[in-house]
Every structure is written in C-alpha cells, then in structure tokens.
Amino acid sequence: MIVVQPVQVRQFANAQNLKAKTDKLDAHLITQFGAVLRPEIRPLNSKKVRYNRDLLARKRQLN
C-alpha cells in the first residue's frame, strides 16, 4: 500500500500548472505522481493493529 499526503499530490499538480479538478484528471495526476516519484510501498498493518490504533485515536479524542 502506498499512502501519500494530498498536499504532495496537489503541489505536484501545481508544478505542472494543472488547476482543473475532475475525477479523470485526478486519476491521471495520481498515476503520474506515482510513476515519477515512486513512493515507498509499505505492507498493510494487520486488522488487529489497525483496530487498536483506531481505539487509541478515539481515546485521545475523548480526553
């Protein structure tokens, strides 16, 4: 799985002078972003790890 910040993709679009925002353009842009910058591929965490992280995040929100 590859996770990138939306800001990174938006800055990549701005560098290419792309201002329009449609699903088709976004898909093409994200594809280009991945091909050019080659972000690191990381395995997904197990379901149990994701569940525990979600619980801890919710606990922090309640404090």
Protein backbone atom coordinates (compact mmCIF):
# COMPACT_ATOMS: atom_id res chain seq x y z
CA MET A 1 0.00 0.00 0.00
CA ILE A 2 1.17 3.48 -0.76
CA VAL A 3 -0.08 6.42 1.26
CA VAL A 4 0.84 9.97 0.33
CA GLN A 5 -0.37 13.28 1.64
CA PRO A 6 -2.90 15.02 -0.62
CA VAL A 7 -0.79 18.18 -0.31
CA GLN A 8 2.09 16.39 -2.04
CA VAL A 9 -0.10 15.46 -5.00
CA ARG A 10 -1.56 19.00 -5.15
CA GLN A 11 1.95 20.51 -5.15
CA PHE A 12 2.90 18.09 -7.92
CA ALA A 13 -0.13 19.31 -9.89
CA ASN A 14 0.77 22.94 -9.28
CA ALA A 15 4.31 22.30 -10.50
CA GLN A 16 2.78 21.05 -13.76
CA ASN A 17 0.46 24.07 -13.87
CA LEU A 18 -2.68 21.90 -13.58
CA LYS A 19 -5.50 23.77 -11.90
CA ALA A 20 -8.61 21.91 -13.09
CA LYS A 21 -10.10 19.41 -10.66
CA THR A 22 -12.06 16.48 -12.07
CA ASP A 23 -12.01 12.81 -11.18
CA LYS A 24 -10.48 11.89 -14.52
CA LEU A 25 -7.70 14.48 -14.19
CA ASP A 26 -7.09 13.48 -10.57
CA ALA A 27 -6.71 9.82 -11.51
CA HIS A 28 -4.25 10.68 -14.27
CA LEU A 29 -2.33 13.02 -11.97
CA ILE A 30 -2.05 10.45 -9.17
CA THR A 31 -0.80 7.91 -11.71
CA GLN A 32 1.83 10.36 -12.94
CA PHE A 33 2.81 11.21 -9.36
CA GLY A 34 3.41 7.54 -8.58
CA ALA A 35 5.35 6.92 -11.79
CA VAL A 36 7.62 9.93 -11.37
CA LEU A 37 8.25 9.99 -7.61
CA ARG A 38 7.96 6.26 -6.86
CA PRO A 39 6.77 6.50 -3.22
CA GLU A 40 7.74 3.70 -0.86
CA ILE A 41 5.48 0.64 -0.83
CA ARG A 42 4.56 -0.49 2.66
CA PRO A 43 2.57 -3.56 3.69
CA LEU A 44 -0.81 -3.07 5.35
CA ASN A 45 -0.91 -3.46 9.11
CA SER A 46 -2.92 -6.39 10.39
CA LYS A 47 -6.59 -5.87 11.14
CA LYS A 48 -5.87 -6.13 14.87
CA VAL A 49 -3.18 -3.43 14.75
CA ARG A 50 -5.47 -1.08 12.77
CA TYR A 51 -8.31 -1.71 15.24
CA ASN A 52 -6.08 -0.94 18.24
CA ARG A 53 -4.77 2.25 16.60
CA ASP A 54 -8.33 3.36 15.92
CA LEU A 55 -9.26 2.73 19.55
CA LEU A 56 -6.27 4.71 20.81
CA ALA A 57 -7.02 7.58 18.44
CA ARG A 58 -10.62 7.68 19.67
CA LYS A 59 -9.44 7.61 23.30
CA ARG A 60 -7.18 10.61 22.62
CA GLN A 61 -10.13 12.47 21.07
CA LEU A 62 -12.19 11.94 24.21
CA ASN A 63 -9.52 13.30 26.58
